[in-house]
N, C-alpha and C. Protein backbone atom coordinates (compact mmCIF):
# COMPACT_ATOMS: atom_id res chain seq x y z
N MET A 1 -0.48 -75.38 -20.52
CA MET A 1 -1.87 -75.86 -20.45
C MET A 1 -2.20 -76.31 -19.03
N ASP A 2 -3.39 -75.88 -18.53
CA ASP A 2 -3.78 -76.25 -17.17
C ASP A 2 -4.04 -77.73 -17.08
N SER A 3 -3.76 -78.28 -15.88
CA SER A 3 -3.98 -79.72 -15.67
C SER A 3 -5.45 -80.04 -15.52
N ALA A 4 -6.29 -79.06 -15.19
CA ALA A 4 -7.73 -79.29 -15.04
C ALA A 4 -8.46 -78.30 -15.91
N TRP A 5 -9.60 -78.71 -16.43
CA TRP A 5 -10.36 -77.87 -17.34
C TRP A 5 -11.76 -77.71 -16.80
N SER A 6 -12.34 -76.53 -16.93
CA SER A 6 -13.72 -76.28 -16.53
C SER A 6 -14.33 -75.36 -17.56
N PRO A 7 -15.67 -75.35 -17.66
CA PRO A 7 -16.31 -74.53 -18.69
C PRO A 7 -16.10 -73.06 -18.42
N GLY A 8 -15.96 -72.29 -19.48
CA GLY A 8 -15.74 -70.87 -19.32
C GLY A 8 -17.03 -70.12 -19.10
N GLU A 9 -16.90 -68.80 -18.99
CA GLU A 9 -18.06 -67.96 -18.78
C GLU A 9 -18.96 -68.01 -20.00
N GLY A 10 -20.23 -67.86 -19.79
CA GLY A 10 -21.17 -67.84 -20.88
C GLY A 10 -21.54 -69.20 -21.40
N ALA A 11 -21.19 -70.26 -20.64
CA ALA A 11 -21.56 -71.61 -21.08
C ALA A 11 -23.07 -71.73 -21.08
N SER A 12 -23.60 -72.43 -22.07
CA SER A 12 -25.05 -72.56 -22.21
C SER A 12 -25.62 -73.47 -21.14
N GLN A 13 -26.93 -73.29 -20.84
CA GLN A 13 -27.63 -74.14 -19.88
C GLN A 13 -27.80 -75.53 -20.48
N VAL A 14 -27.58 -76.55 -19.66
CA VAL A 14 -27.71 -77.92 -20.15
C VAL A 14 -28.65 -78.69 -19.23
N PRO A 15 -29.26 -79.75 -19.76
CA PRO A 15 -30.17 -80.54 -18.92
C PRO A 15 -29.43 -81.16 -17.74
N LEU A 16 -30.23 -81.57 -16.71
CA LEU A 16 -29.68 -82.14 -15.48
C LEU A 16 -28.76 -83.31 -15.76
N GLU A 17 -29.15 -84.18 -16.71
CA GLU A 17 -28.35 -85.38 -16.95
C GLU A 17 -26.98 -85.05 -17.55
N ARG A 18 -26.78 -83.81 -18.01
CA ARG A 18 -25.49 -83.43 -18.58
C ARG A 18 -24.68 -82.53 -17.65
N LEU A 19 -25.25 -82.20 -16.46
CA LEU A 19 -24.50 -81.38 -15.52
C LEU A 19 -23.37 -82.20 -14.92
N CYS A 20 -22.27 -81.53 -14.60
CA CYS A 20 -21.10 -82.22 -14.06
C CYS A 20 -21.08 -82.19 -12.55
N LEU A 21 -20.87 -83.35 -11.96
CA LEU A 21 -20.61 -83.43 -10.54
C LEU A 21 -19.15 -83.12 -10.25
N GLU A 22 -18.28 -83.49 -11.16
CA GLU A 22 -16.84 -83.28 -10.97
C GLU A 22 -16.17 -83.22 -12.33
N TRP A 23 -15.26 -82.24 -12.54
CA TRP A 23 -14.51 -82.12 -13.79
C TRP A 23 -13.20 -82.88 -13.68
N THR A 24 -12.86 -83.58 -14.74
CA THR A 24 -11.60 -84.32 -14.76
C THR A 24 -10.55 -83.50 -15.50
N SER A 25 -9.33 -84.04 -15.63
CA SER A 25 -8.23 -83.32 -16.30
C SER A 25 -8.36 -83.30 -17.81
N LEU A 26 -9.31 -84.11 -18.32
CA LEU A 26 -9.50 -84.13 -19.77
C LEU A 26 -10.50 -83.06 -20.17
N PRO A 27 -10.24 -82.34 -21.26
CA PRO A 27 -11.20 -81.31 -21.69
C PRO A 27 -12.57 -81.91 -21.97
N ASP A 28 -13.58 -81.18 -21.51
CA ASP A 28 -14.98 -81.55 -21.76
C ASP A 28 -15.26 -82.98 -21.31
N HIS A 29 -14.70 -83.34 -20.19
CA HIS A 29 -14.95 -84.68 -19.67
C HIS A 29 -15.30 -84.57 -18.19
N CYS A 30 -16.50 -84.95 -17.85
CA CYS A 30 -16.92 -84.78 -16.46
C CYS A 30 -17.66 -86.02 -15.98
N ILE A 31 -17.84 -86.06 -14.66
CA ILE A 31 -18.61 -87.14 -14.03
C ILE A 31 -20.02 -86.61 -13.82
N ARG A 32 -21.00 -87.28 -14.40
CA ARG A 32 -22.38 -86.80 -14.36
C ARG A 32 -23.24 -87.65 -13.43
N PRO A 33 -24.36 -87.08 -12.95
CA PRO A 33 -25.27 -87.87 -12.11
C PRO A 33 -25.88 -89.02 -12.90
N ASP A 34 -26.10 -90.14 -12.19
CA ASP A 34 -26.68 -91.32 -12.83
C ASP A 34 -28.20 -91.18 -12.79
N THR A 35 -28.77 -90.65 -13.86
CA THR A 35 -30.22 -90.47 -13.92
C THR A 35 -30.90 -91.64 -14.58
N ASP A 36 -30.10 -92.64 -14.99
CA ASP A 36 -30.69 -93.80 -15.68
C ASP A 36 -31.09 -94.90 -14.71
N ASP A 37 -30.69 -94.79 -13.42
CA ASP A 37 -31.01 -95.83 -12.44
C ASP A 37 -32.41 -95.59 -11.90
N PRO A 38 -33.38 -96.43 -12.28
CA PRO A 38 -34.77 -96.19 -11.84
C PRO A 38 -34.95 -96.38 -10.35
N ASP A 39 -34.03 -97.09 -9.66
CA ASP A 39 -34.18 -97.35 -8.24
C ASP A 39 -33.48 -96.31 -7.37
N HIS A 40 -32.77 -95.38 -8.00
CA HIS A 40 -32.05 -94.39 -7.21
C HIS A 40 -33.00 -93.28 -6.77
N ASP A 41 -33.09 -93.07 -5.47
CA ASP A 41 -33.93 -92.02 -4.91
C ASP A 41 -33.15 -91.36 -3.79
N PRO A 42 -32.64 -90.14 -3.99
CA PRO A 42 -31.85 -89.48 -2.95
C PRO A 42 -32.61 -89.33 -1.64
N GLU A 43 -33.95 -89.22 -1.71
CA GLU A 43 -34.73 -89.05 -0.50
C GLU A 43 -34.72 -90.29 0.38
N GLN A 44 -34.42 -91.45 -0.23
CA GLN A 44 -34.44 -92.71 0.50
C GLN A 44 -33.07 -93.10 1.04
N GLU A 45 -32.06 -92.29 0.81
CA GLU A 45 -30.73 -92.64 1.28
C GLU A 45 -30.68 -92.62 2.80
N ASP A 46 -30.00 -93.59 3.39
CA ASP A 46 -29.88 -93.71 4.83
C ASP A 46 -28.94 -92.63 5.35
N PRO A 47 -29.44 -91.74 6.26
CA PRO A 47 -28.59 -90.65 6.73
C PRO A 47 -27.57 -91.12 7.74
N ALA A 48 -27.70 -92.33 8.27
CA ALA A 48 -26.78 -92.81 9.29
C ALA A 48 -25.42 -93.11 8.69
N ASP A 49 -24.42 -93.08 9.54
CA ASP A 49 -23.08 -93.45 9.12
C ASP A 49 -23.09 -94.91 8.71
N PRO A 50 -22.71 -95.23 7.46
CA PRO A 50 -22.78 -96.62 7.00
C PRO A 50 -21.86 -97.54 7.78
N GLY A 51 -20.88 -96.97 8.49
CA GLY A 51 -19.99 -97.81 9.27
C GLY A 51 -20.47 -98.06 10.68
N PHE A 52 -21.59 -97.45 11.07
CA PHE A 52 -22.10 -97.61 12.43
C PHE A 52 -22.84 -98.93 12.56
N PRO A 53 -22.53 -99.75 13.59
CA PRO A 53 -23.21 -101.04 13.74
C PRO A 53 -24.71 -100.86 14.02
N ALA A 54 -25.48 -101.90 13.72
CA ALA A 54 -26.91 -101.89 14.04
C ALA A 54 -27.09 -101.80 15.55
N VAL A 55 -28.02 -100.98 15.99
CA VAL A 55 -28.24 -100.73 17.41
C VAL A 55 -29.54 -101.40 17.85
N THR A 56 -29.50 -102.09 18.98
CA THR A 56 -30.70 -102.66 19.59
C THR A 56 -31.02 -101.87 20.85
N ILE A 57 -32.22 -102.07 21.35
CA ILE A 57 -32.65 -101.32 22.54
C ILE A 57 -31.78 -101.65 23.75
N THR A 58 -31.26 -102.87 23.82
CA THR A 58 -30.42 -103.24 24.96
C THR A 58 -29.07 -102.55 24.92
N ASP A 59 -28.62 -102.14 23.72
CA ASP A 59 -27.36 -101.41 23.62
C ASP A 59 -27.43 -100.04 24.30
N LEU A 60 -28.65 -99.55 24.50
CA LEU A 60 -28.83 -98.21 25.05
C LEU A 60 -29.09 -98.22 26.55
N ALA A 61 -28.81 -99.34 27.21
CA ALA A 61 -29.11 -99.46 28.65
C ALA A 61 -28.43 -98.37 29.46
N SER A 62 -27.19 -98.01 29.10
CA SER A 62 -26.47 -97.01 29.87
C SER A 62 -27.02 -95.60 29.67
N PHE A 63 -27.87 -95.41 28.66
CA PHE A 63 -28.48 -94.11 28.39
C PHE A 63 -29.88 -94.01 29.01
N ALA A 64 -30.36 -95.08 29.62
CA ALA A 64 -31.77 -95.19 30.01
C ALA A 64 -32.16 -94.17 31.08
N PRO A 65 -33.44 -93.77 31.09
CA PRO A 65 -33.93 -92.85 32.12
C PRO A 65 -33.93 -93.51 33.50
N ALA A 66 -33.92 -92.69 34.53
CA ALA A 66 -34.06 -93.18 35.90
C ALA A 66 -35.50 -93.66 36.11
N PRO A 67 -35.73 -94.58 37.05
CA PRO A 67 -37.10 -95.02 37.33
C PRO A 67 -38.00 -93.85 37.70
N ALA A 68 -39.21 -93.86 37.17
CA ALA A 68 -40.17 -92.79 37.44
C ALA A 68 -40.91 -93.06 38.75
N THR A 69 -41.23 -91.99 39.46
CA THR A 69 -41.89 -92.09 40.76
C THR A 69 -43.41 -92.07 40.60
N LEU A 70 -44.07 -92.93 41.37
CA LEU A 70 -45.53 -93.01 41.37
C LEU A 70 -46.07 -92.28 42.60
N THR A 71 -47.11 -91.47 42.38
CA THR A 71 -47.75 -90.74 43.48
C THR A 71 -49.26 -90.96 43.43
N GLY A 72 -49.85 -91.15 44.61
CA GLY A 72 -51.30 -91.26 44.70
C GLY A 72 -51.89 -90.00 45.30
N GLU A 73 -52.98 -89.54 44.73
CA GLU A 73 -53.68 -88.37 45.28
C GLU A 73 -54.93 -88.83 46.04
N PRO A 74 -55.17 -88.15 47.22
CA PRO A 74 -54.41 -87.04 47.79
C PRO A 74 -53.34 -87.52 48.78
N HIS A 75 -52.09 -87.09 48.60
CA HIS A 75 -51.00 -87.33 49.55
C HIS A 75 -50.77 -88.81 49.84
N ASN A 76 -50.89 -89.67 48.81
CA ASN A 76 -50.73 -91.12 48.96
C ASN A 76 -51.71 -91.71 49.97
N LEU A 77 -52.84 -91.05 50.09
CA LEU A 77 -53.93 -91.53 50.93
C LEU A 77 -55.16 -91.71 50.05
N GLY A 78 -56.18 -92.38 50.58
CA GLY A 78 -57.41 -92.56 49.83
C GLY A 78 -58.53 -92.99 50.73
N VAL A 79 -59.71 -93.06 50.14
CA VAL A 79 -60.91 -93.46 50.86
C VAL A 79 -61.51 -94.67 50.16
N ALA A 80 -61.80 -95.71 50.91
CA ALA A 80 -62.40 -96.91 50.33
C ALA A 80 -63.69 -96.56 49.62
N GLY A 81 -63.86 -97.06 48.40
CA GLY A 81 -65.06 -96.79 47.63
C GLY A 81 -64.99 -95.53 46.79
N LEU A 82 -63.90 -94.75 46.91
CA LEU A 82 -63.74 -93.53 46.13
C LEU A 82 -62.42 -93.61 45.33
N PRO A 83 -62.35 -92.91 44.19
CA PRO A 83 -61.14 -92.99 43.36
C PRO A 83 -59.91 -92.40 44.04
N THR A 84 -58.81 -93.12 43.97
CA THR A 84 -57.49 -92.58 44.29
C THR A 84 -56.80 -92.31 42.96
N ASN A 85 -56.30 -91.10 42.78
CA ASN A 85 -55.72 -90.70 41.49
C ASN A 85 -54.21 -90.95 41.50
N PHE A 86 -53.70 -91.61 40.44
CA PHE A 86 -52.28 -91.95 40.37
C PHE A 86 -51.60 -91.19 39.23
N ILE A 87 -50.36 -90.75 39.52
CA ILE A 87 -49.57 -90.01 38.53
C ILE A 87 -48.14 -90.55 38.54
N VAL A 88 -47.58 -90.78 37.33
CA VAL A 88 -46.18 -91.17 37.17
C VAL A 88 -45.42 -89.97 36.60
N ASP A 89 -44.26 -89.64 37.18
CA ASP A 89 -43.54 -88.45 36.75
C ASP A 89 -42.57 -88.72 35.59
N ALA A 90 -42.94 -89.60 34.67
CA ALA A 90 -42.09 -89.92 33.52
C ALA A 90 -42.24 -88.85 32.44
N ASP A 91 -41.15 -88.60 31.72
CA ASP A 91 -41.17 -87.61 30.64
C ASP A 91 -40.13 -88.02 29.59
N VAL A 92 -40.06 -87.27 28.48
CA VAL A 92 -39.05 -87.53 27.46
C VAL A 92 -37.66 -87.32 28.06
N HIS A 93 -36.76 -88.26 27.78
CA HIS A 93 -35.42 -88.23 28.36
C HIS A 93 -34.39 -88.25 27.22
N THR A 94 -33.50 -87.26 27.21
CA THR A 94 -32.45 -87.18 26.19
C THR A 94 -31.09 -87.16 26.87
N ARG A 95 -30.16 -87.94 26.31
CA ARG A 95 -28.82 -88.02 26.91
C ARG A 95 -27.76 -88.20 25.83
N ASP A 96 -26.66 -87.46 25.98
CA ASP A 96 -25.52 -87.58 25.07
C ASP A 96 -24.51 -88.58 25.64
N GLY A 97 -23.80 -89.24 24.74
CA GLY A 97 -22.78 -90.19 25.19
C GLY A 97 -22.06 -90.79 24.00
N GLU A 98 -21.42 -91.92 24.25
CA GLU A 98 -20.67 -92.60 23.21
C GLU A 98 -21.10 -94.05 23.14
N LEU A 99 -21.28 -94.55 21.92
CA LEU A 99 -21.68 -95.94 21.70
C LEU A 99 -20.86 -96.50 20.55
N PHE A 100 -20.22 -97.65 20.78
CA PHE A 100 -19.36 -98.28 19.77
C PHE A 100 -18.27 -97.32 19.27
N GLY A 101 -17.84 -96.40 20.14
CA GLY A 101 -16.80 -95.47 19.75
C GLY A 101 -17.30 -94.24 19.01
N TYR A 102 -18.62 -94.10 18.83
CA TYR A 102 -19.20 -92.96 18.14
C TYR A 102 -19.93 -92.06 19.14
N PRO A 103 -19.85 -90.75 18.99
CA PRO A 103 -20.68 -89.86 19.81
C PRO A 103 -22.12 -89.90 19.31
N ILE A 104 -23.06 -90.11 20.21
CA ILE A 104 -24.47 -90.15 19.83
C ILE A 104 -25.31 -89.42 20.86
N THR A 105 -26.54 -89.14 20.48
CA THR A 105 -27.57 -88.66 21.40
C THR A 105 -28.70 -89.68 21.39
N ALA A 106 -29.12 -90.11 22.56
CA ALA A 106 -30.23 -91.06 22.68
C ALA A 106 -31.44 -90.34 23.27
N ARG A 107 -32.60 -90.66 22.73
CA ARG A 107 -33.84 -90.05 23.23
C ARG A 107 -34.86 -91.14 23.53
N PHE A 108 -35.41 -91.11 24.75
CA PHE A 108 -36.41 -92.07 25.19
C PHE A 108 -37.74 -91.35 25.39
N THR A 109 -38.80 -91.91 24.81
CA THR A 109 -40.13 -91.30 24.90
C THR A 109 -41.09 -92.29 25.55
N PRO A 110 -41.78 -91.90 26.65
CA PRO A 110 -42.75 -92.81 27.26
C PRO A 110 -43.86 -93.16 26.28
N ALA A 111 -44.13 -94.46 26.12
CA ALA A 111 -45.16 -94.91 25.19
C ALA A 111 -46.39 -95.44 25.92
N SER A 112 -46.18 -96.10 27.06
CA SER A 112 -47.29 -96.63 27.84
C SER A 112 -46.84 -96.86 29.28
N PHE A 113 -47.83 -97.12 30.13
CA PHE A 113 -47.58 -97.27 31.56
C PHE A 113 -48.43 -98.42 32.08
N THR A 114 -47.82 -99.26 32.92
CA THR A 114 -48.56 -100.36 33.54
C THR A 114 -48.60 -100.12 35.05
N PHE A 115 -49.80 -99.94 35.57
CA PHE A 115 -50.01 -99.69 36.99
C PHE A 115 -50.38 -100.98 37.69
N ASP A 116 -49.75 -101.24 38.83
CA ASP A 116 -50.14 -102.33 39.72
C ASP A 116 -50.56 -101.66 41.03
N TYR A 117 -51.86 -101.73 41.33
CA TYR A 117 -52.40 -100.97 42.45
C TYR A 117 -52.23 -101.68 43.80
N GLY A 118 -51.69 -102.89 43.77
CA GLY A 118 -51.39 -103.56 45.02
C GLY A 118 -52.52 -104.38 45.61
N ASP A 119 -53.65 -104.43 44.91
CA ASP A 119 -54.79 -105.23 45.39
C ASP A 119 -55.18 -106.28 44.35
N THR A 120 -54.19 -106.75 43.59
CA THR A 120 -54.32 -107.72 42.49
C THR A 120 -54.90 -107.09 41.23
N THR A 121 -55.09 -105.77 41.23
CA THR A 121 -55.62 -105.08 40.06
C THR A 121 -54.50 -104.34 39.32
N THR A 122 -54.48 -104.47 38.00
CA THR A 122 -53.50 -103.75 37.17
C THR A 122 -54.23 -103.02 36.05
N ALA A 123 -53.54 -102.06 35.46
CA ALA A 123 -54.10 -101.33 34.32
C ALA A 123 -52.96 -100.81 33.47
N THR A 124 -53.15 -100.80 32.14
CA THR A 124 -52.17 -100.24 31.22
C THR A 124 -52.78 -99.06 30.49
N THR A 125 -52.07 -97.92 30.48
CA THR A 125 -52.56 -96.71 29.86
C THR A 125 -51.48 -96.11 28.97
N THR A 126 -51.85 -95.14 28.17
CA THR A 126 -50.88 -94.39 27.38
C THR A 126 -50.62 -93.02 27.98
N THR A 127 -51.17 -92.77 29.16
CA THR A 127 -50.97 -91.49 29.85
C THR A 127 -50.36 -91.75 31.22
N PRO A 128 -49.45 -90.87 31.67
CA PRO A 128 -48.87 -91.05 33.01
C PRO A 128 -49.78 -90.57 34.13
N GLY A 129 -50.89 -89.97 33.74
CA GLY A 129 -51.81 -89.43 34.75
C GLY A 129 -51.62 -87.93 34.92
N THR A 130 -52.66 -87.29 35.40
CA THR A 130 -52.66 -85.84 35.61
C THR A 130 -53.35 -85.53 36.93
N THR A 131 -52.85 -84.53 37.65
CA THR A 131 -53.45 -84.18 38.93
C THR A 131 -54.86 -83.65 38.74
N TRP A 132 -55.65 -83.78 39.79
CA TRP A 132 -57.01 -83.23 39.74
C TRP A 132 -56.97 -81.72 39.50
N GLU A 133 -55.98 -81.07 40.10
CA GLU A 133 -55.87 -79.61 39.94
C GLU A 133 -55.65 -79.25 38.47
N ASN A 134 -54.74 -79.95 37.81
CA ASN A 134 -54.47 -79.65 36.40
C ASN A 134 -55.63 -80.04 35.49
N LEU A 135 -56.43 -81.00 35.93
CA LEU A 135 -57.62 -81.38 35.16
C LEU A 135 -58.80 -80.45 35.45
N HIS A 136 -58.66 -79.61 36.47
CA HIS A 136 -59.72 -78.67 36.87
C HIS A 136 -61.00 -79.42 37.27
N VAL A 137 -60.80 -80.46 38.07
CA VAL A 137 -61.94 -81.22 38.57
C VAL A 137 -61.80 -81.38 40.09
N PRO A 138 -62.89 -81.65 40.80
CA PRO A 138 -62.81 -81.82 42.26
C PRO A 138 -62.05 -83.10 42.63
N GLN A 139 -61.58 -83.15 43.87
CA GLN A 139 -60.97 -84.38 44.37
C GLN A 139 -61.94 -85.54 44.29
N PHE A 140 -61.38 -86.73 44.11
CA PHE A 140 -62.13 -87.99 44.04
C PHE A 140 -62.96 -88.11 42.76
N THR A 141 -62.58 -87.30 41.74
CA THR A 141 -63.17 -87.48 40.42
C THR A 141 -62.42 -88.61 39.70
N PRO A 142 -63.11 -89.56 39.06
CA PRO A 142 -62.41 -90.62 38.32
C PRO A 142 -61.55 -90.04 37.19
N THR A 143 -60.38 -90.64 36.97
CA THR A 143 -59.48 -90.23 35.88
C THR A 143 -59.04 -91.49 35.12
N ASP A 144 -58.23 -91.28 34.08
CA ASP A 144 -57.73 -92.42 33.29
C ASP A 144 -56.80 -93.33 34.09
N THR A 145 -56.23 -92.81 35.17
CA THR A 145 -55.27 -93.59 35.95
C THR A 145 -55.71 -93.80 37.40
N SER A 146 -56.95 -93.43 37.72
CA SER A 146 -57.41 -93.60 39.10
C SER A 146 -57.84 -95.04 39.36
N HIS A 147 -57.96 -95.35 40.65
CA HIS A 147 -58.35 -96.70 41.05
C HIS A 147 -59.18 -96.61 42.33
N VAL A 148 -60.18 -97.46 42.42
CA VAL A 148 -61.05 -97.50 43.60
C VAL A 148 -60.69 -98.74 44.42
N TYR A 149 -60.27 -98.52 45.66
CA TYR A 149 -60.01 -99.62 46.58
C TYR A 149 -61.29 -99.97 47.32
N ALA A 150 -61.55 -101.26 47.40
CA ALA A 150 -62.81 -101.71 48.02
C ALA A 150 -62.75 -101.68 49.54
N GLU A 151 -61.57 -101.88 50.10
CA GLU A 151 -61.45 -101.97 51.55
C GLU A 151 -60.32 -101.09 52.06
N ARG A 152 -60.43 -100.73 53.32
CA ARG A 152 -59.36 -99.94 53.93
C ARG A 152 -58.13 -100.82 54.12
N GLY A 153 -56.98 -100.19 54.27
CA GLY A 153 -55.74 -100.93 54.46
C GLY A 153 -54.58 -100.19 53.82
N THR A 154 -53.41 -100.78 53.88
CA THR A 154 -52.22 -100.21 53.27
C THR A 154 -51.81 -101.08 52.09
N TYR A 155 -51.68 -100.46 50.93
CA TYR A 155 -51.40 -101.18 49.69
C TYR A 155 -50.06 -100.70 49.11
N THR A 156 -49.34 -101.61 48.48
CA THR A 156 -48.08 -101.28 47.81
C THR A 156 -48.33 -101.18 46.32
N ALA A 157 -48.30 -99.97 45.80
CA ALA A 157 -48.56 -99.73 44.38
C ALA A 157 -47.24 -99.50 43.64
N THR A 158 -47.20 -99.90 42.38
CA THR A 158 -46.02 -99.68 41.53
C THR A 158 -46.48 -99.31 40.12
N ALA A 159 -45.54 -98.79 39.34
CA ALA A 159 -45.82 -98.48 37.93
C ALA A 159 -44.58 -98.72 37.10
N GLU A 160 -44.77 -99.35 35.95
CA GLU A 160 -43.71 -99.55 34.97
C GLU A 160 -43.92 -98.57 33.82
N THR A 161 -42.82 -97.97 33.36
CA THR A 161 -42.88 -97.08 32.21
C THR A 161 -42.22 -97.78 31.02
N ILE A 162 -42.94 -97.84 29.91
CA ILE A 162 -42.43 -98.49 28.69
C ILE A 162 -42.03 -97.39 27.71
N TYR A 163 -40.74 -97.39 27.33
CA TYR A 163 -40.19 -96.34 26.46
C TYR A 163 -39.89 -96.87 25.06
N THR A 164 -40.05 -96.00 24.07
CA THR A 164 -39.44 -96.21 22.76
C THR A 164 -38.17 -95.36 22.71
N ALA A 165 -37.25 -95.70 21.79
CA ALA A 165 -35.96 -95.01 21.75
C ALA A 165 -35.58 -94.61 20.34
N GLU A 166 -34.80 -93.55 20.24
CA GLU A 166 -34.22 -93.08 19.00
C GLU A 166 -32.77 -92.66 19.28
N ILE A 167 -31.95 -92.68 18.23
CA ILE A 167 -30.59 -92.17 18.35
C ILE A 167 -30.33 -91.15 17.25
N ASP A 168 -29.39 -90.25 17.53
CA ASP A 168 -28.99 -89.24 16.55
C ASP A 168 -27.47 -89.26 16.45
N LEU A 169 -26.97 -89.52 15.24
CA LEU A 169 -25.53 -89.52 14.99
C LEU A 169 -25.07 -88.18 14.42
N GLY A 170 -25.96 -87.19 14.50
CA GLY A 170 -25.65 -85.90 13.91
C GLY A 170 -26.33 -85.69 12.58
N THR A 171 -27.13 -86.68 12.15
CA THR A 171 -27.81 -86.60 10.85
C THR A 171 -29.33 -86.67 10.97
N GLY A 172 -29.85 -86.67 12.21
CA GLY A 172 -31.28 -86.78 12.42
C GLY A 172 -31.63 -88.00 13.25
N TRP A 173 -32.84 -88.04 13.76
CA TRP A 173 -33.28 -89.12 14.66
C TRP A 173 -33.57 -90.40 13.87
N ILE A 174 -33.05 -91.52 14.41
CA ILE A 174 -33.24 -92.83 13.81
C ILE A 174 -33.92 -93.73 14.84
N PRO A 175 -35.11 -94.28 14.56
CA PRO A 175 -35.79 -95.15 15.53
C PRO A 175 -34.98 -96.42 15.81
N VAL A 176 -35.02 -96.86 17.05
CA VAL A 176 -34.38 -98.11 17.46
C VAL A 176 -35.49 -99.13 17.71
N PRO A 177 -35.42 -100.32 17.10
CA PRO A 177 -36.49 -101.31 17.28
C PRO A 177 -36.64 -101.73 18.74
N GLY A 178 -37.88 -102.05 19.12
CA GLY A 178 -38.15 -102.57 20.45
C GLY A 178 -38.53 -101.48 21.44
N THR A 179 -38.79 -101.90 22.67
CA THR A 179 -39.13 -100.98 23.75
C THR A 179 -38.31 -101.33 24.99
N LEU A 180 -38.21 -100.38 25.89
CA LEU A 180 -37.47 -100.56 27.14
C LEU A 180 -38.42 -100.34 28.30
N THR A 181 -38.56 -101.35 29.18
CA THR A 181 -39.45 -101.25 30.33
C THR A 181 -38.64 -100.98 31.58
N ILE A 182 -38.99 -99.90 32.30
CA ILE A 182 -38.28 -99.53 33.51
C ILE A 182 -39.26 -99.52 34.68
N PRO A 183 -39.12 -100.47 35.62
CA PRO A 183 -40.00 -100.50 36.79
C PRO A 183 -39.70 -99.33 37.72
N GLY A 184 -40.74 -98.78 38.32
CA GLY A 184 -40.56 -97.70 39.29
C GLY A 184 -40.54 -98.23 40.71
N PRO A 185 -40.16 -97.40 41.66
CA PRO A 185 -40.12 -97.82 43.07
C PRO A 185 -41.52 -98.04 43.64
N GLU A 186 -41.58 -98.79 44.71
CA GLU A 186 -42.87 -99.05 45.37
C GLU A 186 -43.37 -97.78 46.06
N GLN A 187 -44.68 -97.64 46.07
CA GLN A 187 -45.32 -96.52 46.77
C GLN A 187 -46.40 -97.07 47.70
N SER A 188 -46.31 -96.70 48.97
CA SER A 188 -47.29 -97.15 49.96
C SER A 188 -48.52 -96.24 49.91
N ILE A 189 -49.68 -96.86 49.75
CA ILE A 189 -50.95 -96.12 49.68
C ILE A 189 -51.84 -96.57 50.84
N ARG A 190 -52.22 -95.64 51.69
CA ARG A 190 -53.07 -95.97 52.84
C ARG A 190 -54.50 -95.56 52.57
N ILE A 191 -55.39 -96.52 52.68
CA ILE A 191 -56.81 -96.31 52.38
C ILE A 191 -57.62 -96.35 53.68
N TYR A 192 -58.47 -95.34 53.86
CA TYR A 192 -59.30 -95.23 55.05
C TYR A 192 -60.76 -95.48 54.68
N GLU A 193 -61.56 -95.70 55.71
CA GLU A 193 -63.01 -95.75 55.54
C GLU A 193 -63.59 -94.40 55.92
N ALA A 194 -64.63 -94.00 55.25
CA ALA A 194 -65.30 -92.73 55.56
C ALA A 194 -66.68 -93.03 56.12
N HIS A 195 -67.00 -92.38 57.23
CA HIS A 195 -68.32 -92.54 57.85
C HIS A 195 -68.95 -91.17 57.99
N THR A 196 -70.23 -91.11 57.83
CA THR A 196 -70.96 -89.85 58.01
C THR A 196 -71.86 -89.96 59.22
N ALA A 197 -72.07 -88.82 59.83
CA ALA A 197 -72.95 -88.78 61.00
C ALA A 197 -73.70 -87.45 61.00
N LEU A 198 -74.93 -87.49 61.46
CA LEU A 198 -75.75 -86.29 61.56
C LEU A 198 -75.44 -85.64 62.91
N VAL A 199 -74.92 -84.42 62.87
CA VAL A 199 -74.52 -83.73 64.10
C VAL A 199 -75.24 -82.40 64.20
N ALA A 200 -75.31 -81.91 65.41
CA ALA A 200 -76.01 -80.65 65.65
C ALA A 200 -75.10 -79.45 65.50
N HIS A 201 -73.77 -79.68 65.59
CA HIS A 201 -72.84 -78.56 65.54
C HIS A 201 -71.64 -78.91 64.66
N THR A 202 -70.98 -77.87 64.19
CA THR A 202 -69.75 -78.08 63.42
C THR A 202 -68.61 -78.39 64.37
N CYS A 203 -67.47 -78.83 63.81
CA CYS A 203 -66.30 -79.13 64.65
C CYS A 203 -65.76 -77.87 65.31
N ASN A 204 -65.93 -76.70 64.67
CA ASN A 204 -65.51 -75.46 65.30
C ASN A 204 -66.39 -75.15 66.50
N GLU A 205 -67.66 -75.45 66.37
CA GLU A 205 -68.59 -75.19 67.47
C GLU A 205 -68.46 -76.23 68.58
N ASP A 206 -68.22 -77.48 68.20
CA ASP A 206 -68.09 -78.56 69.18
C ASP A 206 -66.97 -79.49 68.73
N PRO A 207 -65.73 -79.19 69.13
CA PRO A 207 -64.59 -80.01 68.67
C PRO A 207 -64.65 -81.46 69.11
N THR A 208 -65.51 -81.78 70.09
CA THR A 208 -65.60 -83.18 70.56
C THR A 208 -66.70 -83.97 69.85
N ALA A 209 -67.33 -83.36 68.86
CA ALA A 209 -68.42 -84.03 68.15
C ALA A 209 -67.89 -85.20 67.34
N PRO A 210 -68.72 -86.19 67.02
CA PRO A 210 -68.28 -87.34 66.20
C PRO A 210 -67.71 -86.89 64.85
N GLY A 211 -66.57 -87.49 64.50
CA GLY A 211 -65.94 -87.16 63.22
C GLY A 211 -64.98 -86.00 63.27
N CYS A 212 -64.89 -85.30 64.38
CA CYS A 212 -63.95 -84.17 64.49
C CYS A 212 -62.55 -84.67 64.85
N PRO A 213 -61.51 -83.94 64.47
CA PRO A 213 -60.14 -84.43 64.65
C PRO A 213 -59.78 -84.77 66.09
N THR A 214 -60.43 -84.13 67.05
CA THR A 214 -60.09 -84.38 68.46
C THR A 214 -60.74 -85.64 69.01
N ARG A 215 -61.64 -86.22 68.27
CA ARG A 215 -62.32 -87.44 68.75
C ARG A 215 -61.41 -88.65 68.56
């Protein structure tokens, strides 16, 4: 006699609650799914390894993205009274590594940005900014991240990128509570004044005319 028993061919169809998850050594004796538990929902089961410790945003410091660079258009220059357009080069950052002895993948997604324009003015946006060229608009068009400087001078602008994080233990992405703020490097922005003058000739015709590069 075999030590294990299983149903033979031609066994009749039975309801879910009578299906066997595992056959034992006793004839017609099996382990069945627990369909009587009203709180059991397979869809709600935690896909994470139950032995993995709870992760906080500070635990992921070694996986963090590099500081994002801030750029002012055009060419980190501007004109007093006209918009200077700012762009942060932050993007989604994914990195593999090990945490608490487990191999994981960490993913950081930019959620918001705080701009400090260097003239006591700040702004928080959900966009890193876009170049005028990509927006298909002329230079000095206002944007969600542009700023107007009132006076000429040299200003030190900065931007902080605020990230949300997720980890993957091989079973899917799991959100990590909290956010991670990464300050970016300083960017020097030089603002000029613009003056207009009524002239009789263009700079090509008269390079010494007011406003021409040779003046």
